[in-house]
Amino acid sequence: LSCGGGEDTCSDDVNVIALDIPSSAEKPGNRSDEKFLSELRDALLKTREYKPKTVPDVRRSFDLLIKLHGDLPLRTVTRGHVRELRDVLLRYPVGGPISKLKQMDLREIARQEWSRTISPVTVEKLLGFVSQGFRLAVSEGWCEENPRSGLIVGQSKTSLKTERSDFQEHHLKKLFLSPLFVGCSDNQHASEVGHCRIFDHRYWLPLLALYTGARLGELAQLEASDVKEENGVWFLNITKISAKNKNKKSLKTKHSERSVPIHKDLISLGFLGYAKSSRTGYVFESRYETPRKLSHEYSKWFGRYLTAIGLDDRELVFHSFRHTFKTACRFANVPDEIHDELTGHRPINVGGWYGERKRRLEYLSEVIDGLMFDG
């Protein structure tokens, strides 16, 4: 439900339709003894600490409900209201023309046939915010029950699947022998064959993701100071602590902070020199104002690039590098606890680090350097 691979397409994202919904303060005739959907939306955002990237999704989940049924008093909202929102979302197209959809009513959109529609995972996420709001409302006595409770989100025949595939050997060959990596037309036409070499974030992010298993958001926010060396081992310090902007980094989970040694292949390709040459403090300089924006836009750009070079399998996305890294670890007989430590799925064993950081880093470096990717 947001702009995807161009100005006139949509992608399955929870950055939902731009809606012109007034704030609760602007609502006429608002009585002190009655709470409305817009007020619940604002109260939820004030009460809970959401990540900055989540706030628009929370707001829009309520705005969609308001767009569908009006700014109802909370005591009048029924399961039927939320059920219709669920059904509309499950029928909302992915890849449809933005200009056309903006002119259509939500119910009109749901009545039409679309080849691909939103994933149930996305619908569940949006309805989850509505549920969180009504749990607050019940707690505060603004209504008697949560109309989202007990509502099942199924999957339609056209629902976008969320499975992700590994990059197989032939995928890797096609990608890393494509123009971006061996020579393209120019800076604006990276998928066309030529003699121009590009060594910016477009070149480095896929390589880093393949050799570290890190998430795109983690890589996009790397600062030059996060590329560190201890006792001869170079590594990425994936952390929420920013030397550049206090509290400007975010990680998916509390276990995501970790040190990931840099593979010898990345060093031989010149990554260290690139990272330390930054003029902005961030490893990846780009035209986007924030690392979060870079991550969001690059994900879409990379999808378009894969399609342009003939890798148009819907299950192949940037996150596939993370799956490919995990598979490589299994093939290399890397113990599960080490594999999970490298990918940020498990907390680092404190006893294993305390007083033995040098040995630990050397071991992890050996593990990383031992990974090979056919193709």
Protein backbone atom coordinates (compact mmCIF):
# COMPACT_ATOMS: atom_id res chain seq x y z
CA LEU A 1 0.00 0.00 0.00
CA SER A 2 2.92 2.35 -0.57
CA CYS A 3 4.91 3.55 -3.51
CA GLY A 4 7.14 0.77 -4.76
CA GLY A 5 9.23 0.36 -7.89
CA GLY A 6 8.29 3.67 -9.48
CA GLU A 7 5.87 6.56 -9.28
CA ASP A 8 2.90 4.57 -10.55
CA THR A 9 3.17 1.25 -8.68
CA CYS A 10 2.52 -0.10 -5.18
CA SER A 11 4.48 -2.58 -3.07
CA ASP A 12 3.47 -4.70 -0.09
CA ASP A 13 4.45 -2.38 2.70
CA VAL A 14 2.61 -1.03 5.71
CA ASN A 15 3.26 2.57 4.67
CA VAL A 16 -0.39 2.82 3.78
CA ILE A 17 -2.27 5.25 1.53
CA ALA A 18 -1.83 8.93 2.27
CA LEU A 19 -5.00 9.77 4.19
CA ASP A 20 -6.26 13.21 5.09
CA ILE A 21 -7.64 12.40 8.54
CA PRO A 22 -7.96 15.31 11.02
CA SER A 23 -6.45 15.07 14.48
CA SER A 24 -8.76 14.62 17.44
CA ALA A 25 -8.18 18.25 18.41
CA GLU A 26 -9.68 19.35 15.07
CA LYS A 27 -12.80 17.20 15.43
CA PRO A 28 -15.92 19.37 15.82
CA GLY A 29 -18.38 18.68 18.60
CA ASN A 30 -16.00 16.49 20.58
CA ARG A 31 -17.65 15.74 23.96
CA SER A 32 -15.60 15.22 27.09
CA ASP A 33 -17.58 12.10 28.04
CA GLU A 34 -17.03 10.30 24.72
CA LYS A 35 -13.88 9.12 22.99
CA PHE A 36 -13.55 8.73 19.23
CA LEU A 37 -11.27 6.68 16.98
CA SER A 38 -9.03 9.65 16.18
CA GLU A 39 -8.60 10.33 19.90
CA LEU A 40 -7.70 6.70 20.55
CA ARG A 41 -5.12 6.85 17.77
CA ASP A 42 -3.49 9.92 19.33
CA ALA A 43 -3.69 8.49 22.86
CA LEU A 44 -2.02 5.25 21.78
CA LEU A 45 0.85 7.12 20.16
CA LYS A 46 1.35 9.16 23.33
CA THR A 47 1.10 6.16 25.65
CA ARG A 48 3.33 3.66 23.87
CA GLU A 49 6.92 4.17 22.74
CA TYR A 50 6.97 3.04 19.12
CA LYS A 51 10.05 3.16 16.93
CA PRO A 52 9.98 6.20 14.61
CA LYS A 53 9.48 4.01 11.53
CA THR A 54 6.46 2.33 13.18
CA VAL A 55 4.58 5.51 14.09
CA PRO A 56 3.19 6.14 10.56
CA ASP A 57 1.95 2.54 10.42
CA VAL A 58 0.12 2.90 13.74
CA ARG A 59 -1.45 6.16 12.61
CA ARG A 60 -2.52 4.81 9.25
CA SER A 61 -4.09 1.65 10.67
CA PHE A 62 -6.60 3.85 12.51
CA ASP A 63 -6.90 6.26 9.58
CA LEU A 64 -7.96 3.37 7.34
CA LEU A 65 -10.64 2.37 9.83
CA ILE A 66 -11.83 5.99 9.96
CA LYS A 67 -11.77 6.29 6.18
CA LEU A 68 -13.93 3.18 5.94
CA HIS A 69 -16.48 3.89 8.70
CA GLY A 70 -15.99 7.49 9.85
CA ASP A 71 -14.59 8.77 13.15
CA LEU A 72 -16.85 6.61 15.31
CA PRO A 73 -17.29 6.85 19.09
CA LEU A 74 -15.33 3.96 20.60
CA ARG A 75 -18.38 2.45 22.30
CA THR A 76 -20.06 2.02 18.90
CA VAL A 77 -17.19 0.23 17.14
CA THR A 78 -18.09 -3.43 16.59
CA ARG A 79 -16.25 -6.51 15.41
CA GLY A 80 -18.12 -6.08 12.14
CA HIS A 81 -16.38 -2.74 11.55
CA VAL A 82 -12.94 -4.29 12.07
CA ARG A 83 -13.90 -7.37 10.07
CA GLU A 84 -14.73 -5.22 7.06
CA LEU A 85 -11.38 -3.45 7.38
CA ARG A 86 -9.69 -6.87 7.40
CA ASP A 87 -11.57 -7.96 4.30
CA VAL A 88 -10.79 -4.73 2.45
CA LEU A 89 -7.09 -4.98 3.25
CA LEU A 90 -6.92 -8.60 2.11
CA ARG A 91 -8.37 -7.45 -1.21
CA TYR A 92 -6.07 -4.43 -1.62
CA PRO A 93 -3.74 -4.77 -4.64
CA VAL A 94 0.03 -4.95 -4.66
CA GLY A 95 1.44 -3.56 -7.89
CA GLY A 96 -1.67 -1.57 -8.77
CA PRO A 97 -1.57 1.95 -10.28
CA ILE A 98 -1.28 4.56 -7.53
CA SER A 99 -3.05 7.31 -9.49
CA LYS A 100 -6.08 5.09 -10.08
CA LEU A 101 -6.25 3.76 -6.52
CA LYS A 102 -6.15 7.23 -4.97
CA GLN A 103 -9.37 8.11 -6.79
CA MET A 104 -11.21 4.99 -5.61
CA ASP A 105 -13.17 4.29 -2.46
CA LEU A 106 -11.77 1.48 -0.30
CA ARG A 107 -14.88 -0.63 -0.81
CA GLU A 108 -14.73 -0.06 -4.55
CA ILE A 109 -11.09 -1.25 -4.57
CA ALA A 110 -12.07 -4.39 -2.63
CA ARG A 111 -14.83 -5.25 -5.11
CA GLN A 112 -12.45 -5.43 -8.06
CA GLU A 113 -10.28 -8.40 -9.06
CA TRP A 114 -6.53 -8.00 -8.59
CA SER A 115 -3.77 -10.45 -9.48
CA ARG A 116 -1.74 -9.82 -6.29
CA THR A 117 -3.02 -8.53 -2.97
CA ILE A 118 -1.54 -7.68 0.41
CA SER A 119 0.07 -10.36 2.54
CA PRO A 120 -1.93 -11.56 5.57
CA VAL A 121 1.19 -10.79 7.63
CA THR A 122 0.84 -7.11 6.74
CA VAL A 123 -2.90 -7.16 7.45
CA GLU A 124 -2.27 -8.84 10.81
CA LYS A 125 0.27 -6.15 11.66
CA LEU A 126 -2.12 -3.31 10.87
CA LEU A 127 -5.00 -4.87 12.80
CA GLY A 128 -2.58 -5.50 15.65
CA PHE A 129 -2.18 -1.75 16.13
CA VAL A 130 -5.96 -1.37 16.23
CA SER A 131 -6.08 -4.10 18.87
CA GLN A 132 -3.40 -2.36 20.94
CA GLY A 133 -5.47 0.81 20.84
CA PHE A 134 -8.64 -0.89 22.02
CA ARG A 135 -6.81 -2.69 24.81
CA LEU A 136 -5.85 0.78 26.03
CA ALA A 137 -9.45 1.95 25.61
CA VAL A 138 -10.82 -0.96 27.66
CA SER A 139 -8.23 -0.33 30.35
CA GLU A 140 -9.18 3.34 30.56
CA GLY A 141 -12.94 2.65 30.54
CA TRP A 142 -13.54 4.33 27.18
CA CYS A 143 -15.29 1.20 25.86
CA GLU A 144 -16.29 -2.24 27.10
CA GLU A 145 -14.52 -4.63 24.75
CA ASN A 146 -11.83 -4.96 22.09
CA PRO A 147 -13.57 -5.47 18.70
CA ARG A 148 -10.38 -6.95 17.23
CA SER A 149 -10.35 -9.91 19.66
CA GLY A 150 -11.02 -13.30 18.12
CA LEU A 151 -10.87 -12.06 14.53
CA ILE A 152 -8.89 -14.44 12.32
CA VAL A 153 -6.86 -13.17 9.36
CA GLY A 154 -6.92 -15.78 6.61
CA GLN A 155 -5.19 -15.81 3.25
CA SER A 156 -6.82 -15.20 -0.09
CA LYS A 157 -5.76 -16.90 -3.32
CA THR A 158 -4.11 -13.69 -4.49
CA SER A 159 -2.33 -12.82 -1.23
CA LEU A 160 1.30 -11.90 -1.70
CA LYS A 161 3.45 -14.67 -0.25
CA THR A 162 6.15 -13.59 2.18
CA GLU A 163 8.52 -16.55 1.73
CA ARG A 164 12.11 -15.64 0.95
CA SER A 165 14.52 -17.83 -1.01
CA ASP A 166 18.27 -18.20 -0.79
CA PHE A 167 20.39 -16.98 -3.67
CA GLN A 168 21.45 -20.19 -5.42
CA GLU A 169 24.75 -20.61 -7.30
CA HIS A 170 23.27 -19.54 -10.65
CA HIS A 171 21.64 -16.50 -9.00
CA LEU A 172 24.94 -15.38 -7.48
CA LYS A 173 26.75 -15.79 -10.79
CA LYS A 174 24.13 -13.76 -12.63
CA LEU A 175 24.10 -11.02 -9.99
CA PHE A 176 27.84 -10.57 -9.46
CA LEU A 177 28.62 -10.81 -13.17
CA SER A 178 25.98 -8.16 -13.92
CA PRO A 179 26.88 -4.61 -15.06
CA LEU A 180 26.85 -3.08 -11.56
CA PHE A 181 29.77 -5.29 -10.55
CA VAL A 182 31.78 -5.64 -13.79
CA GLY A 183 31.00 -2.49 -15.77
CA CYS A 184 27.87 -0.50 -16.50
CA SER A 185 26.81 2.20 -18.92
CA ASP A 186 26.98 5.10 -16.45
CA ASN A 187 25.98 6.13 -12.94
CA GLN A 188 22.31 6.42 -13.91
CA HIS A 189 22.11 3.13 -15.84
CA ALA A 190 23.69 0.56 -13.55
CA SER A 191 21.91 -2.40 -15.18
CA GLU A 192 23.20 -1.64 -18.69
CA VAL A 193 26.53 -3.01 -19.92
CA GLY A 194 29.36 -0.51 -20.30
CA HIS A 195 32.80 0.51 -19.05
CA CYS A 196 31.82 2.58 -16.00
CA ARG A 197 32.64 1.15 -12.57
CA ILE A 198 30.52 2.15 -9.58
CA PHE A 199 31.81 1.73 -6.05
CA ASP A 200 29.11 3.31 -3.92
CA HIS A 201 26.45 1.83 -1.63
CA ARG A 202 24.83 0.06 -4.57
CA TYR A 203 27.99 -2.00 -5.05
CA TRP A 204 28.93 -2.63 -1.42
CA LEU A 205 25.62 -3.38 0.29
CA PRO A 206 24.95 -6.72 -1.51
CA LEU A 207 28.52 -7.88 -0.88
CA LEU A 208 28.38 -6.95 2.79
CA ALA A 209 25.00 -8.63 3.25
CA LEU A 210 26.24 -11.82 1.61
CA TYR A 211 29.42 -12.05 3.70
CA THR A 212 27.98 -10.92 7.07
CA GLY A 213 24.31 -11.95 7.07
CA ALA A 214 23.46 -8.51 8.42
CA ARG A 215 20.10 -6.86 7.79
CA LEU A 216 19.88 -4.00 5.31
CA GLY A 217 18.85 -1.54 8.04
CA GLU A 218 21.87 -2.52 10.15
CA LEU A 219 24.26 -1.97 7.25
CA ALA A 220 22.72 1.29 6.05
CA GLN A 221 23.28 2.98 9.42
CA LEU A 222 26.92 1.92 9.80
CA GLU A 223 29.28 4.75 10.70
CA ALA A 224 32.95 4.89 9.80
CA SER A 225 33.72 4.43 13.50
CA ASP A 226 31.81 1.13 13.43
CA VAL A 227 34.50 -0.40 11.22
CA LYS A 228 36.99 -1.43 13.88
CA GLU A 229 40.19 -3.40 14.33
CA GLU A 230 41.37 -5.30 17.39
CA ASN A 231 44.45 -7.49 17.53
CA GLY A 232 44.62 -7.70 13.76
CA VAL A 233 40.93 -8.58 13.28
CA TRP A 234 38.75 -6.13 11.39
CA PHE A 235 35.05 -6.27 12.25
CA LEU A 236 31.74 -4.42 11.99
CA ASN A 237 30.49 -3.13 15.32
CA ILE A 238 26.72 -3.41 14.91
CA THR A 239 25.36 -1.28 17.73
CA LYS A 240 22.68 1.22 18.72
CA ILE A 241 25.33 3.62 19.99
CA SER A 242 26.03 6.40 17.52
CA ALA A 243 29.18 8.49 17.49
CA LYS A 244 27.50 10.86 15.07
CA ASN A 245 23.93 11.35 16.28
CA LYS A 246 22.78 10.32 19.74
CA ASN A 247 19.87 7.85 19.70
CA LYS A 248 19.66 7.89 15.91
CA LYS A 249 20.28 4.15 15.42
CA SER A 250 17.83 1.32 15.79
CA LEU A 251 18.13 -2.47 15.81
CA LYS A 252 15.44 -5.07 15.36
CA THR A 253 15.93 -6.85 18.69
CA LYS A 254 17.86 -6.42 21.93
CA HIS A 255 20.16 -9.27 20.83
CA SER A 256 21.11 -7.58 17.55
CA GLU A 257 24.15 -5.75 18.95
CA ARG A 258 27.20 -7.76 17.95
CA SER A 259 30.66 -7.78 16.38
CA VAL A 260 30.91 -9.43 12.97
CA PRO A 261 34.42 -9.98 11.53
CA ILE A 262 34.91 -8.70 7.99
CA HIS A 263 35.52 -11.51 5.48
CA LYS A 264 38.94 -11.55 3.81
CA ASP A 265 37.26 -11.25 0.39
CA LEU A 266 35.70 -7.91 1.38
CA ILE A 267 39.08 -6.67 2.58
CA SER A 268 40.76 -7.71 -0.66
CA LEU A 269 38.05 -5.90 -2.62
CA GLY A 270 38.92 -2.65 -0.81
CA PHE A 271 36.05 -2.25 1.61
CA LEU A 272 38.21 -0.91 4.46
CA GLY A 273 39.50 1.94 2.33
CA TYR A 274 36.00 2.77 1.15
CA ALA A 275 34.57 2.79 4.68
CA LYS A 276 37.29 5.03 6.06
CA SER A 277 37.03 7.53 3.18
CA SER A 278 33.60 8.73 4.26
CA ARG A 279 33.14 12.50 4.46
CA THR A 280 29.81 12.35 6.29
CA GLY A 281 30.67 9.96 9.10
CA TYR A 282 28.43 7.27 7.65
CA VAL A 283 30.02 4.40 5.73
CA PHE A 284 27.51 4.83 2.92
CA GLU A 285 27.15 8.33 1.54
CA SER A 286 23.99 8.86 -0.49
CA ARG A 287 21.50 11.52 -1.54
CA TYR A 288 19.05 10.37 1.15
CA GLU A 289 18.77 12.41 4.31
CA THR A 290 18.84 9.51 6.77
CA PRO A 291 20.14 5.91 6.88
CA ARG A 292 16.54 4.73 7.38
CA LYS A 293 15.54 6.43 4.13
CA LEU A 294 18.55 4.93 2.38
CA SER A 295 17.55 1.45 3.59
CA HIS A 296 13.95 1.87 2.43
CA GLU A 297 14.79 3.28 -0.99
CA TYR A 298 17.67 0.89 -1.64
CA SER A 299 15.47 -2.12 -0.94
CA LYS A 300 13.12 -0.97 -3.70
CA TRP A 301 16.00 -0.07 -6.03
CA PHE A 302 17.60 -3.47 -5.55
CA GLY A 303 14.34 -5.21 -6.42
CA ARG A 304 14.14 -3.23 -9.65
CA TYR A 305 17.79 -4.04 -10.40
CA LEU A 306 17.21 -7.78 -9.96
CA THR A 307 14.30 -7.59 -12.40
CA ALA A 308 16.36 -5.58 -14.90
CA ILE A 309 19.10 -8.24 -15.02
CA GLY A 310 16.63 -11.12 -15.32
CA LEU A 311 16.38 -12.23 -11.68
CA ASP A 312 12.67 -11.54 -11.39
CA ASP A 313 11.76 -14.31 -8.92
CA ARG A 314 9.45 -12.66 -6.35
CA GLU A 315 11.03 -14.68 -3.55
CA LEU A 316 14.46 -13.15 -4.24
CA VAL A 317 14.88 -9.88 -2.34
CA PHE A 318 17.71 -8.16 -0.52
CA HIS A 319 16.87 -10.10 2.65
CA SER A 320 17.67 -13.29 0.70
CA PHE A 321 21.35 -12.57 1.37
CA ARG A 322 20.69 -13.18 5.06
CA HIS A 323 19.15 -16.56 4.26
CA THR A 324 22.08 -17.36 1.97
CA PHE A 325 24.54 -16.53 4.75
CA LYS A 326 22.68 -18.81 7.17
CA THR A 327 22.78 -21.66 4.64
CA ALA A 328 26.52 -21.14 4.11
CA CYS A 329 27.05 -21.39 7.88
CA ARG A 330 25.18 -24.69 7.98
CA PHE A 331 27.20 -26.09 5.07
CA ALA A 332 30.39 -25.04 6.87
CA ASN A 333 29.23 -26.88 10.03
CA VAL A 334 29.23 -23.68 12.05
CA PRO A 335 27.69 -24.44 15.49
CA ASP A 336 24.18 -23.04 15.93
CA GLU A 337 25.15 -20.80 18.84
CA ILE A 338 27.95 -19.19 16.79
CA HIS A 339 25.73 -18.85 13.77
CA ASP A 340 23.04 -17.19 15.90
CA GLU A 341 25.62 -14.92 17.49
CA LEU A 342 26.85 -13.71 14.10
CA THR A 343 23.34 -12.96 12.87
CA GLY A 344 22.08 -11.39 16.10
CA HIS A 345 19.58 -14.09 16.97
CA ARG A 346 21.05 -14.97 20.33
CA PRO A 347 22.73 -12.92 23.07
CA ILE A 348 26.50 -13.16 23.26
CA ASN A 349 27.62 -15.45 26.06
CA VAL A 350 29.13 -13.04 28.59
CA GLY A 351 31.46 -15.67 29.97
CA GLY A 352 32.80 -16.34 26.50
CA TRP A 353 33.72 -12.65 26.06
CA TYR A 354 34.91 -11.65 29.49
CA GLY A 355 38.71 -11.55 29.51
CA GLU A 356 38.84 -13.50 26.25
CA ARG A 357 37.68 -11.00 23.63
CA LYS A 358 40.87 -11.41 21.58
CA ARG A 359 40.45 -15.17 21.29
CA ARG A 360 36.74 -14.82 20.62
CA LEU A 361 37.24 -12.35 17.77
CA GLU A 362 39.97 -14.49 16.25
CA TYR A 363 37.69 -17.53 16.35
CA LEU A 364 34.76 -15.67 14.79
CA SER A 365 37.11 -14.33 12.11
CA GLU A 366 38.18 -17.86 11.24
CA VAL A 367 34.53 -18.87 11.01
CA ILE A 368 33.68 -15.98 8.69
CA ASP A 369 36.73 -16.47 6.46
CA GLY A 370 35.84 -20.14 6.14
CA LEU A 371 32.51 -19.33 4.47
CA MET A 372 32.42 -19.86 0.71
CA PHE A 373 29.70 -19.04 -1.79
CA ASP A 374 29.55 -21.15 -4.91
CA GLY A 375 29.27 -18.97 -7.95
